Amino acid sequence: MPGYFVNEIHSCVDESLIGYVRTHSHLELLGRAVIARSQVPSVAVISGNGSGHEPAMAGYVGRGLLSACISGSIFASPPSADIFRLIVEMKRRGAKQILLIILNYTGDRLNFGLAMERARELSIDVDMLVVADDAAVDCAIGPRGLAGALLVIKIAGALAEQGKNMSEIVDICQSVRTHLRTIGLSASGVHPPGQQKVLELLDDEIELGMGIHGEMGAQRLKLLSSKNAIDLAFGQLFRGTRALDIKRDDNVFLCVNNLGGCSNLELGVIMKDAIENLEHRAIHVKRVMSGGFMASLNMKGFSLTVLKLTTDMSSMVLDLIDFPTDAFAWPKTISSTQLPSSIQTLPDSLEFHDQLSAELTLNESHLLFETSVIPSVNQALQAVIKRLHNETDALNRLDAVSGDGDTGTAFARAADKMTQDLTNGKLIYDRPSLLFRRLGLIAESRMGGTCGA
């Protein structure tokens, strides 16, 4: 696994937090606590976790979301003393009540719980809400907390900004929590800097339900296509031991989260397949968001979060999720009215040119090869096609020296189309102008890049 661009392992968390705060003027840093500069609402919502899950949680500090967050070392809960000090600081800044929202992990429950008890000894009104949205594994302390916790945090932050008291916020968030599930799917483990690899996968393996600290999941299997992987994940989410109670025609909020190592290209494919899978199940996607929201360092994988929008709370929950915030990592969600009901496809570029060149074909029909030459032209084309296929690997190796190693593959795509056109009679041997025009269009449409041009 590649290394990390850090200076010193022991200081990388602090330096990362400094970087976040120095590039976002609405934030300030107190030790490892990131605090919003805006006026503290009556209920201050605080969260925290081990580092390595960025942008969680520093990216969600801001008006209408978290009042503050506290970070621990990589994959380690923040110490209770640091949490306690942050609680006292938020009380000093004017918070009348303080709500701690954490993910369901032993270290977080112990440290945040201990800090809460210490604060209560000082008569600080503080409560704690634990989110356990994992649909894959139900361990000794209950299901793990995953990216779905961010929806609970967003709703709590919006309610606090609207002036709701802590009891009202907790009641609503507890209701939301029961209709929330997340499932992860990973193609690699994670290797925290300076530590041993947590869990390793072979190049052709994936793990359903691997935890965001690299913990073992529910099932290990061979690599699947995006469509099949998502169908497997939703199957676990809707029919597993912790299945979300959902049926046809229900409305949902969908979040696709990059666990750190997926390219944006892959994320687009995953997003498309996830929406289409839910549509195929007759489940209505009312809001979607896609991006990197809660990572596991550079783990190659993604998670799918589904929040069921119940009839009695759907409108309110969507309004709270859409409530404005200046937290830099919270995205603009897309509503169902913006989701295209159909996507227009264009005809193949060669078909398009065929339609436009009908008149040109008539104008150039007088330019002919001699009859005796036509068999030689056919043989030459066949030889070129065969050679392009035979030399695919060699051309790729040559291109890899100074390029991206795909020249042979590009030529092979063109050769495949030439073979197809030879079979269906679209290569007109006796008219040189039309023949070479067609070959040029094949190169342009099938090869792409410099060679295609």
Protein backbone atom coordinates (compact mmCIF):
# COMPACT_ATOMS: atom_id res chain seq x y z
CA MET A 1 0.00 0.00 0.00
CA PRO A 2 1.38 3.47 -0.85
CA GLY A 3 2.68 5.75 1.86
CA TYR A 4 1.15 8.92 3.27
CA PHE A 5 2.08 12.55 2.71
CA VAL A 6 2.57 13.48 6.36
CA ASN A 7 5.48 14.97 8.29
CA GLU A 8 5.44 12.99 11.52
CA ILE A 9 2.95 10.30 12.45
CA HIS A 10 2.54 11.63 15.99
CA SER A 11 1.65 15.14 14.76
CA CYS A 12 -0.34 14.47 11.58
CA VAL A 13 -3.75 14.75 13.29
CA ASP A 14 -2.94 18.15 14.80
CA GLU A 15 -1.44 19.43 11.55
CA SER A 16 -4.49 18.26 9.59
CA LEU A 17 -6.84 20.09 11.96
CA ILE A 18 -4.74 23.24 11.64
CA GLY A 19 -5.00 22.94 7.87
CA TYR A 20 -8.79 22.68 8.02
CA VAL A 21 -9.16 25.68 10.33
CA ARG A 22 -6.73 27.89 8.40
CA THR A 23 -8.74 27.38 5.22
CA HIS A 24 -12.20 27.94 6.74
CA SER A 25 -12.66 31.26 8.49
CA HIS A 26 -15.82 30.21 10.37
CA LEU A 27 -13.84 27.69 12.44
CA GLU A 28 -11.40 27.92 15.34
CA LEU A 29 -9.20 25.31 16.97
CA LEU A 30 -8.88 24.65 20.69
CA GLY A 31 -6.46 21.78 21.16
CA ARG A 32 -8.05 19.06 19.04
CA ALA A 33 -11.51 20.61 19.27
CA VAL A 34 -12.87 22.40 16.20
CA ILE A 35 -15.44 25.02 17.21
CA ALA A 36 -17.79 27.14 15.10
CA ARG A 37 -17.23 30.89 15.47
CA SER A 38 -20.96 31.55 15.09
CA GLN A 39 -23.11 32.23 18.12
CA VAL A 40 -23.71 29.04 20.09
CA PRO A 41 -27.38 27.98 19.98
CA SER A 42 -29.26 27.13 23.14
CA VAL A 43 -28.51 23.46 22.48
CA ALA A 44 -24.93 22.85 21.39
CA VAL A 45 -24.60 19.67 19.33
CA ILE A 46 -21.16 18.07 19.72
CA SER A 47 -19.71 14.99 18.08
CA GLY A 48 -16.30 13.40 17.79
CA ASN A 49 -14.37 10.32 16.78
CA GLY A 50 -10.94 9.01 15.99
CA SER A 51 -9.14 10.68 13.12
CA GLY A 52 -8.85 9.03 9.73
CA HIS A 53 -12.52 9.46 8.83
CA GLU A 54 -12.18 12.97 7.40
CA PRO A 55 -14.09 15.07 6.64
CA ALA A 56 -15.92 13.61 9.64
CA MET A 57 -16.25 15.33 11.99
CA ALA A 58 -14.43 18.66 11.51
CA GLY A 59 -16.08 19.14 8.12
CA TYR A 60 -19.51 19.24 9.73
CA VAL A 61 -18.86 22.03 12.23
CA GLY A 62 -20.80 25.16 11.39
CA ARG A 63 -24.06 27.02 11.77
CA GLY A 64 -27.00 24.63 11.39
CA LEU A 65 -24.91 21.55 12.07
CA LEU A 66 -22.32 20.82 14.79
CA SER A 67 -21.36 23.53 17.24
CA ALA A 68 -18.09 21.70 17.83
CA CYS A 69 -16.30 18.39 17.43
CA ILE A 70 -13.37 16.69 19.10
CA SER A 71 -10.81 14.43 17.41
CA GLY A 72 -8.78 11.56 18.77
CA SER A 73 -5.70 9.96 17.31
CA ILE A 74 -6.06 7.84 14.18
CA PHE A 75 -8.90 5.35 14.73
CA ALA A 76 -8.85 6.06 18.48
CA SER A 77 -11.57 7.73 20.52
CA PRO A 78 -10.72 11.17 21.92
CA PRO A 79 -9.81 11.05 25.64
CA SER A 80 -12.60 11.77 28.09
CA ALA A 81 -10.60 14.67 29.55
CA ASP A 82 -10.56 16.43 26.16
CA ILE A 83 -14.28 15.82 25.68
CA PHE A 84 -15.06 17.10 29.17
CA ARG A 85 -13.04 20.26 28.56
CA LEU A 86 -14.97 20.89 25.32
CA ILE A 87 -18.30 20.45 27.11
CA VAL A 88 -17.25 23.00 29.74
CA GLU A 89 -16.06 25.38 27.01
CA MET A 90 -19.38 25.23 25.15
CA LYS A 91 -21.21 25.88 28.41
CA ARG A 92 -18.94 28.89 28.99
CA ARG A 93 -19.80 30.18 25.51
CA GLY A 94 -23.50 30.24 26.28
CA ALA A 95 -24.97 26.79 25.58
CA LYS A 96 -27.80 25.98 27.97
CA GLN A 97 -27.91 22.31 27.01
CA ILE A 98 -25.35 20.08 25.29
CA LEU A 99 -26.15 17.04 23.15
CA LEU A 100 -23.40 14.55 22.37
CA ILE A 101 -23.99 12.46 19.23
CA ILE A 102 -21.54 9.61 18.72
CA LEU A 103 -21.06 6.44 16.70
CA ASN A 104 -21.53 3.12 18.45
CA TYR A 105 -17.98 2.04 19.30
CA THR A 106 -16.74 0.92 22.71
CA GLY A 107 -14.08 3.62 23.05
CA ASP A 108 -16.46 6.42 22.09
CA ARG A 109 -19.19 5.21 24.42
CA LEU A 110 -16.77 4.96 27.34
CA ASN A 111 -14.97 8.26 26.82
CA PHE A 112 -17.98 10.38 25.90
CA GLY A 113 -20.03 8.70 28.62
CA LEU A 114 -17.41 9.42 31.27
CA ALA A 115 -17.12 13.05 30.14
CA MET A 116 -20.90 13.39 30.30
CA GLU A 117 -21.01 12.09 33.88
CA ARG A 118 -18.26 14.51 34.93
CA ALA A 119 -20.15 17.39 33.33
CA ARG A 120 -23.36 16.42 35.10
CA GLU A 121 -21.49 16.60 38.40
CA LEU A 122 -21.06 20.30 37.57
CA SER A 123 -24.82 20.58 36.90
CA ILE A 124 -24.29 20.93 33.15
CA ASP A 125 -27.38 19.73 31.27
CA VAL A 126 -25.87 17.19 28.87
CA ASP A 127 -27.25 14.12 27.13
CA MET A 128 -25.87 11.56 24.68
CA LEU A 129 -27.33 9.92 21.57
CA VAL A 130 -25.63 6.85 20.09
CA VAL A 131 -26.10 5.99 16.40
CA ALA A 132 -25.75 2.34 15.32
CA ASP A 133 -26.79 2.13 11.66
CA ASP A 134 -24.69 -0.82 10.44
CA ALA A 135 -26.84 -3.38 8.62
CA ALA A 136 -24.05 -5.94 8.23
CA VAL A 137 -22.73 -6.89 11.67
CA ASP A 138 -24.38 -6.90 15.07
CA CYS A 139 -21.46 -7.19 17.52
CA ALA A 140 -21.35 -7.43 21.32
CA ILE A 141 -22.10 -3.75 21.95
CA GLY A 142 -24.62 -3.61 19.12
CA PRO A 143 -24.32 -2.55 15.49
CA ARG A 144 -21.52 -0.18 14.57
CA GLY A 145 -22.03 3.48 13.75
CA LEU A 146 -21.38 4.42 10.13
CA ALA A 147 -22.07 7.25 7.68
CA GLY A 148 -25.78 7.28 8.49
CA ALA A 149 -24.87 9.05 11.73
CA LEU A 150 -24.22 12.17 9.67
CA LEU A 151 -27.92 12.42 8.79
CA VAL A 152 -28.85 12.26 12.48
CA ILE A 153 -26.24 14.93 13.24
CA LYS A 154 -27.54 17.14 10.42
CA ILE A 155 -31.11 16.88 11.66
CA ALA A 156 -30.07 17.60 15.25
CA GLY A 157 -28.01 20.61 14.21
CA ALA A 158 -30.86 22.07 12.17
CA LEU A 159 -33.31 21.61 15.04
CA ALA A 160 -30.88 23.29 17.44
CA GLU A 161 -30.50 26.23 15.07
CA GLN A 162 -34.30 26.52 14.96
CA GLY A 163 -34.36 26.85 18.75
CA LYS A 164 -35.73 23.44 19.75
CA ASN A 165 -34.86 22.19 23.23
CA MET A 166 -32.77 19.08 23.81
CA SER A 167 -35.71 16.84 24.66
CA GLU A 168 -37.43 17.69 21.38
CA ILE A 169 -34.22 17.15 19.41
CA VAL A 170 -33.54 13.77 21.02
CA ASP A 171 -37.10 12.54 20.43
CA ILE A 172 -36.97 13.36 16.72
CA CYS A 173 -33.46 11.96 16.26
CA GLN A 174 -34.35 8.73 18.04
CA SER A 175 -37.27 8.27 15.66
CA VAL A 176 -35.06 8.96 12.64
CA ARG A 177 -32.44 6.55 13.97
CA THR A 178 -34.85 3.60 13.87
CA HIS A 179 -35.41 4.08 10.12
CA LEU A 180 -31.73 4.32 9.19
CA ARG A 181 -29.38 1.65 7.85
CA THR A 182 -25.93 1.66 6.24
CA ILE A 183 -24.02 -1.11 4.49
CA GLY A 184 -20.40 -0.95 3.36
CA LEU A 185 -18.55 -2.83 0.63
CA SER A 186 -14.76 -2.77 0.40
CA ALA A 187 -12.17 -3.98 -2.10
CA SER A 188 -9.23 -3.36 0.22
CA GLY A 189 -8.37 -3.18 3.88
CA VAL A 190 -6.86 -0.13 5.52
CA HIS A 191 -3.30 0.54 6.67
CA PRO A 192 -3.12 3.40 9.19
CA PRO A 193 0.20 5.26 9.04
CA GLY A 194 2.71 3.78 11.43
CA GLN A 195 0.51 0.81 12.28
CA GLN A 196 -0.02 -2.76 11.11
CA LYS A 197 -2.53 -3.49 8.37
CA VAL A 198 -5.89 -4.13 9.97
CA LEU A 199 -7.34 -6.57 7.44
CA GLU A 200 -6.05 -7.61 4.05
CA LEU A 201 -7.95 -8.64 0.93
CA LEU A 202 -6.64 -10.30 -2.20
CA ASP A 203 -6.83 -8.31 -5.43
CA ASP A 204 -9.90 -10.26 -6.57
CA GLU A 205 -11.77 -10.14 -3.25
CA ILE A 206 -14.31 -7.79 -1.67
CA GLU A 207 -15.77 -7.74 1.82
CA LEU A 208 -19.39 -6.94 2.59
CA GLY A 209 -19.76 -4.92 5.77
CA MET A 210 -16.12 -4.19 6.60
CA GLY A 211 -16.01 -1.61 9.39
CA ILE A 212 -14.60 1.90 9.00
CA HIS A 213 -11.63 0.87 11.14
CA GLY A 214 -11.01 -2.17 8.97
CA GLU A 215 -12.98 -4.57 11.18
CA MET A 216 -14.18 -7.85 9.72
CA GLY A 217 -17.46 -7.71 7.84
CA ALA A 218 -20.30 -10.14 7.23
CA GLN A 219 -19.07 -11.89 4.09
CA ARG A 220 -15.99 -12.14 1.88
CA LEU A 221 -16.44 -12.98 -1.79
CA LYS A 222 -14.94 -12.56 -5.23
CA LEU A 223 -14.90 -9.17 -6.93
CA LEU A 224 -18.24 -8.23 -8.49
CA SER A 225 -19.38 -5.66 -11.03
CA SER A 226 -20.84 -2.45 -9.64
CA LYS A 227 -24.42 -3.56 -10.38
CA ASN A 228 -24.00 -6.95 -8.75
CA ALA A 229 -22.14 -5.50 -5.77
CA ILE A 230 -24.88 -2.96 -5.12
CA ASP A 231 -27.59 -5.59 -5.48
CA LEU A 232 -25.74 -7.70 -2.91
CA ALA A 233 -25.40 -4.73 -0.55
CA PHE A 234 -29.06 -3.74 -0.79
CA GLY A 235 -30.03 -7.38 -0.35
CA GLN A 236 -28.24 -7.37 3.00
CA LEU A 237 -29.68 -3.98 3.92
CA PHE A 238 -33.28 -4.97 3.16
CA ARG A 239 -33.26 -8.70 4.04
CA GLY A 240 -30.37 -9.27 6.48
CA THR A 241 -30.44 -9.75 10.23
CA ARG A 242 -30.74 -5.96 10.72
CA ALA A 243 -32.96 -5.32 7.72
CA LEU A 244 -34.60 -1.96 7.22
CA ASP A 245 -38.37 -2.36 7.27
CA ILE A 246 -39.20 -1.15 3.79
CA LYS A 247 -41.67 -2.06 1.08
CA ARG A 248 -42.69 -1.08 -2.44
CA ASP A 249 -43.62 2.58 -2.94
CA ASP A 250 -41.82 3.72 0.22
CA ASN A 251 -39.85 6.97 0.03
CA VAL A 252 -36.18 7.11 0.99
CA PHE A 253 -33.15 9.35 1.28
CA LEU A 254 -30.05 7.78 -0.31
CA CYS A 255 -26.43 8.56 0.53
CA VAL A 256 -23.50 7.03 -1.37
CA ASN A 257 -20.30 7.53 0.61
CA ASN A 258 -16.73 7.08 -0.64
CA LEU A 259 -14.68 5.28 2.01
CA GLY A 260 -11.57 7.00 0.72
CA GLY A 261 -10.07 5.05 -2.17
CA CYS A 262 -12.73 5.06 -4.89
CA SER A 263 -12.19 7.37 -7.84
CA ASN A 264 -14.88 9.88 -8.74
CA LEU A 265 -15.38 7.91 -11.95
CA GLU A 266 -16.28 4.82 -9.91
CA LEU A 267 -18.47 6.83 -7.57
CA GLY A 268 -20.56 8.04 -10.51
CA VAL A 269 -21.13 4.46 -11.66
CA ILE A 270 -22.00 3.38 -8.11
CA MET A 271 -24.44 6.29 -7.71
CA LYS A 272 -26.19 5.44 -10.99
CA ASP A 273 -26.47 1.76 -10.15
CA ALA A 274 -27.72 2.45 -6.62
CA ILE A 275 -30.52 4.74 -7.83
CA GLU A 276 -31.53 2.30 -10.57
CA ASN A 277 -31.50 -0.63 -8.14
CA LEU A 278 -33.90 1.16 -5.79
CA GLU A 279 -36.10 2.19 -8.71
CA HIS A 280 -36.21 -1.45 -9.84
CA ARG A 281 -37.44 -2.34 -6.33
CA ALA A 282 -40.18 0.34 -6.69
CA ILE A 283 -38.61 2.38 -3.89
CA HIS A 284 -38.83 6.12 -4.48
CA VAL A 285 -35.62 8.12 -4.00
CA LYS A 286 -36.67 11.57 -2.76
CA ARG A 287 -33.18 12.91 -2.06
CA VAL A 288 -29.69 11.78 -2.94
CA MET A 289 -26.19 12.81 -1.95
CA SER A 290 -22.93 11.35 -3.14
CA GLY A 291 -19.32 12.03 -2.18
CA GLY A 292 -16.70 11.50 0.49
CA PHE A 293 -18.47 12.08 3.81
CA MET A 294 -16.96 9.57 6.24
CA ALA A 295 -13.77 7.86 5.11
CA SER A 296 -11.61 5.05 6.37
CA LEU A 297 -8.33 6.72 5.35
CA ASN A 298 -7.72 5.35 1.82
CA MET A 299 -9.83 2.20 1.98
CA LYS A 300 -11.05 1.18 -1.48
CA GLY A 301 -14.77 0.96 -0.92
CA PHE A 302 -18.10 2.68 -0.48
CA SER A 303 -21.12 2.62 1.79
CA LEU A 304 -24.81 2.96 1.03
CA THR A 305 -27.09 4.67 3.55
CA VAL A 306 -30.86 4.49 3.25
CA LEU A 307 -33.14 6.58 5.46
CA LYS A 308 -36.79 5.58 5.22
CA LEU A 309 -38.99 8.67 5.04
CA THR A 310 -42.11 7.78 6.99
CA THR A 311 -45.37 9.45 6.05
CA ASP A 312 -45.68 11.36 9.33
CA MET A 313 -42.11 12.75 9.27
CA SER A 314 -41.04 12.84 5.62
CA SER A 315 -41.58 16.54 4.95
CA MET A 316 -40.02 17.65 8.24
CA VAL A 317 -36.97 15.39 7.88
CA LEU A 318 -36.27 16.58 4.33
CA ASP A 319 -36.60 20.21 5.40
CA LEU A 320 -34.10 19.61 8.21
CA ILE A 321 -31.63 17.85 5.92
CA ASP A 322 -31.96 20.72 3.45
CA PHE A 323 -31.64 23.36 6.21
CA PRO A 324 -28.81 25.79 5.35
CA THR A 325 -25.39 25.27 6.93
CA ASP A 326 -21.93 26.75 6.41
CA ALA A 327 -20.19 23.49 7.36
CA PHE A 328 -17.77 23.02 4.49
CA ALA A 329 -18.21 19.25 3.97
CA TRP A 330 -22.00 19.16 3.83
CA PRO A 331 -23.16 18.88 0.20
CA LYS A 332 -26.16 20.27 -1.58
CA THR A 333 -28.60 17.39 -1.77
CA ILE A 334 -30.55 16.74 -4.96
CA SER A 335 -34.32 16.48 -4.72
CA SER A 336 -36.45 13.97 -6.59
CA THR A 337 -37.75 16.73 -8.85
CA GLN A 338 -34.19 17.21 -10.09
CA LEU A 339 -33.62 13.52 -10.73
CA PRO A 340 -34.08 12.90 -14.47
CA SER A 341 -36.93 10.53 -15.20
CA SER A 342 -35.26 9.61 -18.47
CA ILE A 343 -31.80 10.08 -19.92
CA GLN A 344 -31.49 10.88 -23.60
CA THR A 345 -29.09 8.68 -25.51
CA LEU A 346 -27.47 9.63 -28.79
CA PRO A 347 -27.07 7.30 -31.77
CA ASP A 348 -23.68 5.76 -32.39
CA SER A 349 -21.36 8.38 -33.91
CA LEU A 350 -20.84 6.20 -36.99
CA GLU A 351 -24.60 5.96 -37.53
CA PHE A 352 -24.81 9.73 -37.17
CA HIS A 353 -22.14 10.19 -39.86
CA ASP A 354 -23.85 7.60 -42.08
CA GLN A 355 -27.03 9.68 -42.01
CA LEU A 356 -25.19 12.91 -42.82
CA SER A 357 -23.03 11.38 -45.56
CA ALA A 358 -25.84 9.90 -47.66
CA GLU A 359 -25.68 12.83 -50.09
CA LEU A 360 -21.87 12.76 -50.08
CA THR A 361 -21.96 9.07 -51.00
CA LEU A 362 -23.88 9.88 -54.16
CA ASN A 363 -21.51 12.71 -55.07
CA GLU A 364 -18.44 10.47 -54.75
CA SER A 365 -19.89 7.33 -56.29
CA HIS A 366 -18.01 7.92 -59.56
CA LEU A 367 -14.62 7.43 -57.84
CA LEU A 368 -13.95 3.69 -58.22
CA PHE A 369 -11.17 1.16 -57.73
CA GLU A 370 -10.48 -1.06 -60.70
CA THR A 371 -12.21 -4.40 -60.31
CA SER A 372 -8.90 -6.27 -60.24
CA VAL A 373 -7.72 -4.24 -57.23
CA ILE A 374 -10.69 -4.95 -54.93
CA PRO A 375 -9.56 -8.45 -53.74
CA SER A 376 -6.17 -7.01 -52.80
CA VAL A 377 -7.86 -4.22 -50.83
CA ASN A 378 -9.91 -6.81 -48.96
CA GLN A 379 -6.83 -8.94 -48.19
CA ALA A 380 -4.90 -5.90 -47.00
CA LEU A 381 -7.69 -4.93 -44.60
CA GLN A 382 -7.90 -8.47 -43.23
CA ALA A 383 -4.13 -8.51 -42.68
CA VAL A 384 -4.21 -5.15 -40.88
CA ILE A 385 -7.04 -6.29 -38.60
CA LYS A 386 -5.23 -9.52 -37.73
CA ARG A 387 -1.95 -7.73 -37.04
CA LEU A 388 -3.62 -5.13 -34.81
CA HIS A 389 -5.13 -7.89 -32.69
CA ASN A 390 -1.87 -9.85 -32.53
CA GLU A 391 0.17 -6.82 -31.45
CA THR A 392 -2.24 -5.48 -28.80
CA ASP A 393 -0.08 -6.41 -25.81
CA ALA A 394 3.16 -5.31 -27.48
CA LEU A 395 1.72 -1.89 -28.34
CA ASN A 396 0.42 -1.49 -24.79
CA ARG A 397 3.87 -2.24 -23.39
CA LEU A 398 5.50 0.29 -25.70
CA ASP A 399 2.95 2.95 -24.77
CA ALA A 400 3.42 2.26 -21.05
CA VAL A 401 7.00 3.52 -21.28
CA SER A 402 5.85 7.12 -21.74
CA GLY A 403 2.06 7.00 -21.69
CA ASP A 404 -0.88 5.23 -20.09
CA GLY A 405 -0.36 1.85 -21.74
CA ASP A 406 -3.57 1.61 -23.76
CA THR A 407 -2.54 2.17 -27.38
CA GLY A 408 -2.80 -1.50 -28.31
CA THR A 409 -6.24 -1.75 -26.71
CA ALA A 410 -7.39 1.33 -28.64
CA PHE A 411 -6.22 -0.14 -31.95
CA ALA A 412 -7.92 -3.43 -31.08
CA ARG A 413 -11.25 -1.61 -30.57
CA ALA A 414 -10.92 -0.14 -34.05
CA ALA A 415 -10.03 -3.56 -35.48
CA ASP A 416 -13.14 -5.07 -33.88
CA LYS A 417 -15.33 -2.46 -35.55
CA MET A 418 -13.58 -3.02 -38.90
CA THR A 419 -14.35 -6.73 -38.61
CA GLN A 420 -17.99 -5.94 -37.84
CA ASP A 421 -18.25 -3.60 -40.83
CA LEU A 422 -16.61 -6.16 -43.11
CA THR A 423 -19.27 -8.65 -42.07
CA ASN A 424 -22.27 -6.36 -42.51
CA GLY A 425 -21.06 -4.77 -45.75
CA LYS A 426 -20.51 -1.21 -44.51
CA LEU A 427 -16.96 -1.09 -45.90
CA ILE A 428 -17.32 -0.25 -49.58
CA TYR A 429 -14.19 -1.64 -51.27
CA ASP A 430 -14.73 -0.27 -54.75
CA ARG A 431 -14.98 3.40 -53.72
CA PRO A 432 -11.66 4.58 -52.21
CA SER A 433 -12.98 7.89 -50.90
CA LEU A 434 -15.84 6.25 -49.01
CA LEU A 435 -13.66 3.38 -47.79
CA PHE A 436 -11.01 5.60 -46.25
CA ARG A 437 -13.61 8.02 -44.90
CA ARG A 438 -15.25 5.07 -43.12
CA LEU A 439 -11.93 3.81 -41.75
CA GLY A 440 -11.17 7.30 -40.46
CA LEU A 441 -14.53 7.51 -38.71
CA ILE A 442 -13.95 4.10 -37.14
CA ALA A 443 -10.61 5.28 -35.76
CA GLU A 444 -12.14 8.51 -34.48
CA SER A 445 -15.14 6.91 -32.77
CA ARG A 446 -13.59 3.71 -31.44
CA MET A 447 -10.00 4.65 -30.61
CA GLY A 448 -10.37 8.14 -29.20
CA GLY A 449 -7.42 10.12 -27.87
CA THR A 450 -4.41 11.05 -29.99
CA CYS A 451 -4.53 7.92 -32.16
CA GLY A 452 -8.19 8.44 -32.96
CA ALA A 453 -7.57 12.01 -34.05
